[in-house]
Amino acid sequence: MGVKTCRECGKQLPEGVRYNTLYCYDCIRKHHIAAMKRYREKHGDRLRAEDKEEYYYYKEHGICVDCHQAAADEGYTTCTACRAKRNKRSEKYYKKKT
């Protein structure tokens, strides 16, 4: 059958790849990112409006705005677990930055 290569970049496809795969994983990822960018450009305003509406709904009803499952803590819009995860991510980011 021969060696299969990517139609776009010409790289050899890995062994055991599906018989109808035409592109390597890097090119597939590149196409996916471009498609998502086009989708966001076309529907971005609607998506942002929906996200904002959803955020305020959960905030108003006292539900965590991150996980949408636990009750939000008093004076916060998130539950304890989500706030801890968020703080850990922020800490990691700021450590990397400095």
N, C-alpha and C. Protein backbone atom coordinates (compact mmCIF):
# COMPACT_ATOMS: atom_id res chain seq x y z
N MET A 1 0.82 -1.19 0.00
CA MET A 1 0.00 0.00 0.00
C MET A 1 0.87 1.25 0.00
N GLY A 2 2.01 1.21 0.61
CA GLY A 2 2.90 2.36 0.56
C GLY A 2 2.76 3.26 1.78
N VAL A 3 3.60 4.26 1.81
CA VAL A 3 3.62 5.21 2.91
C VAL A 3 2.60 6.31 2.64
N LYS A 4 1.78 6.60 3.65
CA LYS A 4 0.80 7.66 3.50
C LYS A 4 1.42 8.98 3.95
N THR A 5 1.17 10.04 3.19
CA THR A 5 1.68 11.35 3.54
C THR A 5 0.53 12.35 3.62
N CYS A 6 0.76 13.41 4.37
CA CYS A 6 -0.22 14.49 4.53
C CYS A 6 -0.38 15.21 3.20
N ARG A 7 -1.62 15.50 2.83
CA ARG A 7 -1.87 16.19 1.56
C ARG A 7 -1.38 17.64 1.58
N GLU A 8 -1.31 18.22 2.78
CA GLU A 8 -0.95 19.63 2.85
C GLU A 8 0.55 19.85 3.02
N CYS A 9 1.15 19.22 4.02
CA CYS A 9 2.56 19.50 4.31
C CYS A 9 3.51 18.42 3.81
N GLY A 10 2.98 17.24 3.46
CA GLY A 10 3.82 16.18 2.94
C GLY A 10 4.50 15.31 3.98
N LYS A 11 4.23 15.57 5.28
CA LYS A 11 4.83 14.74 6.32
C LYS A 11 4.24 13.33 6.26
N GLN A 12 5.04 12.36 6.67
CA GLN A 12 4.58 10.98 6.70
C GLN A 12 3.58 10.82 7.86
N LEU A 13 2.45 10.18 7.57
CA LEU A 13 1.45 9.95 8.60
C LEU A 13 1.90 8.81 9.50
N PRO A 14 1.57 8.85 10.79
CA PRO A 14 2.01 7.79 11.70
C PRO A 14 1.42 6.43 11.35
N GLU A 15 2.10 5.40 11.77
CA GLU A 15 1.65 4.02 11.57
C GLU A 15 0.32 3.81 12.28
N GLY A 16 -0.58 3.07 11.67
CA GLY A 16 -1.85 2.73 12.30
C GLY A 16 -2.90 3.81 12.18
N VAL A 17 -2.65 4.83 11.37
CA VAL A 17 -3.64 5.89 11.20
C VAL A 17 -4.78 5.34 10.35
N ARG A 18 -5.98 5.87 10.55
CA ARG A 18 -7.14 5.37 9.81
C ARG A 18 -6.92 5.44 8.31
N TYR A 19 -7.53 4.54 7.58
CA TYR A 19 -7.28 4.42 6.15
C TYR A 19 -7.69 5.66 5.36
N ASN A 20 -8.69 6.42 5.85
CA ASN A 20 -9.16 7.57 5.08
C ASN A 20 -8.62 8.90 5.59
N THR A 21 -7.61 8.89 6.45
CA THR A 21 -7.02 10.12 6.95
C THR A 21 -6.13 10.73 5.88
N LEU A 22 -6.36 12.02 5.61
CA LEU A 22 -5.63 12.69 4.54
C LEU A 22 -4.60 13.68 5.05
N TYR A 23 -4.76 14.13 6.30
CA TYR A 23 -3.89 15.16 6.85
C TYR A 23 -3.24 14.69 8.14
N CYS A 24 -2.07 15.24 8.44
CA CYS A 24 -1.39 14.93 9.69
C CYS A 24 -2.09 15.67 10.84
N TYR A 25 -1.76 15.32 12.06
CA TYR A 25 -2.42 15.91 13.22
C TYR A 25 -2.17 17.41 13.31
N ASP A 26 -0.99 17.87 12.94
CA ASP A 26 -0.68 19.30 12.99
C ASP A 26 -1.55 20.09 12.01
N CYS A 27 -1.73 19.57 10.81
CA CYS A 27 -2.54 20.26 9.81
C CYS A 27 -4.02 20.22 10.19
N ILE A 28 -4.48 19.11 10.76
CA ILE A 28 -5.85 19.03 11.24
C ILE A 28 -6.09 20.08 12.31
N ARG A 29 -5.14 20.19 13.24
CA ARG A 29 -5.25 21.17 14.32
C ARG A 29 -5.27 22.58 13.76
N LYS A 30 -4.41 22.85 12.78
CA LYS A 30 -4.35 24.17 12.16
C LYS A 30 -5.69 24.52 11.49
N HIS A 31 -6.28 23.56 10.79
CA HIS A 31 -7.58 23.77 10.14
C HIS A 31 -8.68 24.00 11.17
N HIS A 32 -8.62 23.25 12.27
CA HIS A 32 -9.62 23.38 13.33
C HIS A 32 -9.56 24.77 13.96
N ILE A 33 -8.36 25.24 14.24
CA ILE A 33 -8.19 26.57 14.85
C ILE A 33 -8.71 27.65 13.89
N ALA A 34 -8.42 27.52 12.61
CA ALA A 34 -8.91 28.50 11.63
C ALA A 34 -10.43 28.47 11.54
N ALA A 35 -11.02 27.28 11.58
CA ALA A 35 -12.47 27.16 11.52
C ALA A 35 -13.12 27.77 12.75
N MET A 36 -12.53 27.54 13.93
CA MET A 36 -13.08 28.11 15.15
C MET A 36 -12.97 29.63 15.14
N LYS A 37 -11.89 30.16 14.57
CA LYS A 37 -11.73 31.61 14.48
C LYS A 37 -12.81 32.20 13.58
N ARG A 38 -13.06 31.55 12.43
CA ARG A 38 -14.11 32.02 11.52
C ARG A 38 -15.47 31.97 12.21
N TYR A 39 -15.72 30.90 12.97
CA TYR A 39 -17.00 30.74 13.67
C TYR A 39 -17.17 31.85 14.71
N ARG A 40 -16.11 32.12 15.47
CA ARG A 40 -16.16 33.18 16.49
C ARG A 40 -16.39 34.55 15.85
N GLU A 41 -15.75 34.80 14.69
CA GLU A 41 -15.96 36.07 14.01
C GLU A 41 -17.39 36.23 13.54
N LYS A 42 -17.98 35.13 13.08
CA LYS A 42 -19.34 35.18 12.56
C LYS A 42 -20.38 35.25 13.68
N HIS A 43 -20.18 34.48 14.75
CA HIS A 43 -21.18 34.35 15.81
C HIS A 43 -20.75 34.94 17.14
N GLY A 44 -19.63 35.65 17.18
CA GLY A 44 -19.06 36.11 18.43
C GLY A 44 -19.99 36.97 19.28
N ASP A 45 -20.69 37.91 18.65
CA ASP A 45 -21.57 38.79 19.41
C ASP A 45 -22.69 38.00 20.09
N ARG A 46 -23.28 37.07 19.35
CA ARG A 46 -24.35 36.25 19.92
C ARG A 46 -23.83 35.39 21.06
N LEU A 47 -22.65 34.79 20.87
CA LEU A 47 -22.08 33.93 21.90
C LEU A 47 -21.75 34.71 23.16
N ARG A 48 -21.18 35.91 23.00
CA ARG A 48 -20.88 36.74 24.17
C ARG A 48 -22.14 37.15 24.90
N ALA A 49 -23.19 37.48 24.17
CA ALA A 49 -24.46 37.86 24.79
C ALA A 49 -25.05 36.69 25.57
N GLU A 50 -24.97 35.49 25.00
CA GLU A 50 -25.49 34.30 25.69
C GLU A 50 -24.67 34.02 26.95
N ASP A 51 -23.35 34.14 26.85
CA ASP A 51 -22.50 33.90 28.02
C ASP A 51 -22.81 34.90 29.13
N LYS A 52 -23.01 36.15 28.75
CA LYS A 52 -23.31 37.20 29.73
C LYS A 52 -24.67 36.94 30.39
N GLU A 53 -25.64 36.57 29.58
CA GLU A 53 -26.98 36.27 30.09
C GLU A 53 -26.94 35.09 31.06
N GLU A 54 -26.19 34.06 30.69
CA GLU A 54 -26.05 32.88 31.54
C GLU A 54 -25.37 33.24 32.86
N TYR A 55 -24.32 34.04 32.80
CA TYR A 55 -23.60 34.46 33.99
C TYR A 55 -24.53 35.16 34.97
N TYR A 56 -25.31 36.12 34.47
CA TYR A 56 -26.19 36.88 35.35
C TYR A 56 -27.33 36.02 35.89
N TYR A 57 -27.79 35.04 35.11
CA TYR A 57 -28.83 34.13 35.61
C TYR A 57 -28.31 33.36 36.83
N TYR A 58 -27.14 32.75 36.70
CA TYR A 58 -26.57 31.97 37.80
C TYR A 58 -26.24 32.87 39.00
N LYS A 59 -25.72 34.05 38.72
CA LYS A 59 -25.38 34.98 39.79
C LYS A 59 -26.64 35.37 40.57
N GLU A 60 -27.70 35.67 39.85
CA GLU A 60 -28.96 36.08 40.46
C GLU A 60 -29.58 34.99 41.32
N HIS A 61 -29.41 33.74 40.90
CA HIS A 61 -30.00 32.61 41.63
C HIS A 61 -29.07 32.00 42.67
N GLY A 62 -27.89 32.59 42.86
CA GLY A 62 -26.97 32.12 43.90
C GLY A 62 -26.30 30.80 43.58
N ILE A 63 -26.10 30.53 42.30
CA ILE A 63 -25.44 29.30 41.86
C ILE A 63 -24.05 29.67 41.35
N CYS A 64 -23.09 28.80 41.58
CA CYS A 64 -21.72 29.05 41.15
C CYS A 64 -21.68 29.30 39.64
N VAL A 65 -21.05 30.40 39.23
CA VAL A 65 -21.00 30.76 37.82
C VAL A 65 -19.97 29.95 37.04
N ASP A 66 -19.12 29.21 37.73
CA ASP A 66 -18.12 28.37 37.05
C ASP A 66 -18.62 26.95 36.80
N CYS A 67 -19.02 26.26 37.87
CA CYS A 67 -19.42 24.86 37.73
C CYS A 67 -20.93 24.68 37.53
N HIS A 68 -21.72 25.68 37.85
CA HIS A 68 -23.18 25.67 37.68
C HIS A 68 -23.86 24.58 38.49
N GLN A 69 -23.19 24.04 39.50
CA GLN A 69 -23.78 22.95 40.26
C GLN A 69 -23.90 23.28 41.74
N ALA A 70 -22.86 23.81 42.33
CA ALA A 70 -22.86 24.09 43.76
C ALA A 70 -23.44 25.47 44.02
N ALA A 71 -23.88 25.67 45.26
CA ALA A 71 -24.35 26.98 45.65
C ALA A 71 -23.16 27.92 45.82
N ALA A 72 -23.33 29.15 45.39
CA ALA A 72 -22.25 30.14 45.53
C ALA A 72 -22.14 30.54 47.00
N ASP A 73 -20.92 30.80 47.44
CA ASP A 73 -20.71 31.23 48.82
C ASP A 73 -21.24 32.65 49.02
N GLU A 74 -21.57 32.96 50.24
CA GLU A 74 -22.08 34.29 50.59
C GLU A 74 -21.06 35.36 50.20
N GLY A 75 -21.50 36.34 49.43
CA GLY A 75 -20.63 37.43 49.01
C GLY A 75 -19.77 37.12 47.80
N TYR A 76 -19.89 35.93 47.24
CA TYR A 76 -19.12 35.53 46.06
C TYR A 76 -20.05 35.00 44.98
N THR A 77 -19.54 34.92 43.76
CA THR A 77 -20.33 34.33 42.67
C THR A 77 -19.90 32.90 42.38
N THR A 78 -18.92 32.39 43.14
CA THR A 78 -18.42 31.03 42.93
C THR A 78 -18.46 30.24 44.23
N CYS A 79 -18.39 28.92 44.09
CA CYS A 79 -18.31 28.05 45.26
C CYS A 79 -16.85 27.99 45.73
N THR A 80 -16.63 27.40 46.88
CA THR A 80 -15.29 27.34 47.46
C THR A 80 -14.31 26.57 46.56
N ALA A 81 -14.78 25.44 46.01
CA ALA A 81 -13.90 24.60 45.17
C ALA A 81 -13.47 25.34 43.91
N CYS A 82 -14.41 25.99 43.23
CA CYS A 82 -14.08 26.71 41.99
C CYS A 82 -13.18 27.91 42.27
N ARG A 83 -13.42 28.58 43.38
CA ARG A 83 -12.59 29.72 43.74
C ARG A 83 -11.16 29.27 44.04
N ALA A 84 -11.01 28.12 44.69
CA ALA A 84 -9.68 27.58 44.97
C ALA A 84 -8.95 27.24 43.67
N LYS A 85 -9.67 26.63 42.71
CA LYS A 85 -9.06 26.30 41.41
C LYS A 85 -8.65 27.58 40.68
N ARG A 86 -9.52 28.58 40.72
CA ARG A 86 -9.24 29.84 40.04
C ARG A 86 -8.02 30.52 40.66
N ASN A 87 -7.95 30.52 41.99
CA ASN A 87 -6.81 31.13 42.68
C ASN A 87 -5.51 30.41 42.34
N LYS A 88 -5.58 29.08 42.26
CA LYS A 88 -4.39 28.28 41.94
C LYS A 88 -3.90 28.61 40.53
N ARG A 89 -4.84 28.73 39.56
CA ARG A 89 -4.47 29.09 38.19
C ARG A 89 -3.84 30.48 38.14
N SER A 90 -4.46 31.42 38.86
CA SER A 90 -3.93 32.79 38.88
C SER A 90 -2.54 32.83 39.49
N GLU A 91 -2.36 32.10 40.58
CA GLU A 91 -1.06 32.06 41.25
C GLU A 91 0.01 31.50 40.32
N LYS A 92 -0.34 30.43 39.60
CA LYS A 92 0.59 29.80 38.67
C LYS A 92 0.96 30.78 37.55
N TYR A 93 -0.04 31.52 37.05
CA TYR A 93 0.19 32.49 35.99
C TYR A 93 1.13 33.60 36.46
N TYR A 94 0.86 34.14 37.64
CA TYR A 94 1.67 35.26 38.14
C TYR A 94 3.10 34.82 38.50
N LYS A 95 3.25 33.58 38.96
CA LYS A 95 4.60 33.08 39.24
C LYS A 95 5.39 32.96 37.95
N LYS A 96 4.73 32.51 36.89
CA LYS A 96 5.39 32.37 35.60
C LYS A 96 5.75 33.74 35.03
N LYS A 97 4.90 34.72 35.27
CA LYS A 97 5.10 36.05 34.74
C LYS A 97 6.27 36.78 35.40
N THR A 98 6.51 36.51 36.69
CA THR A 98 7.58 37.21 37.40
C THR A 98 8.85 36.41 37.46
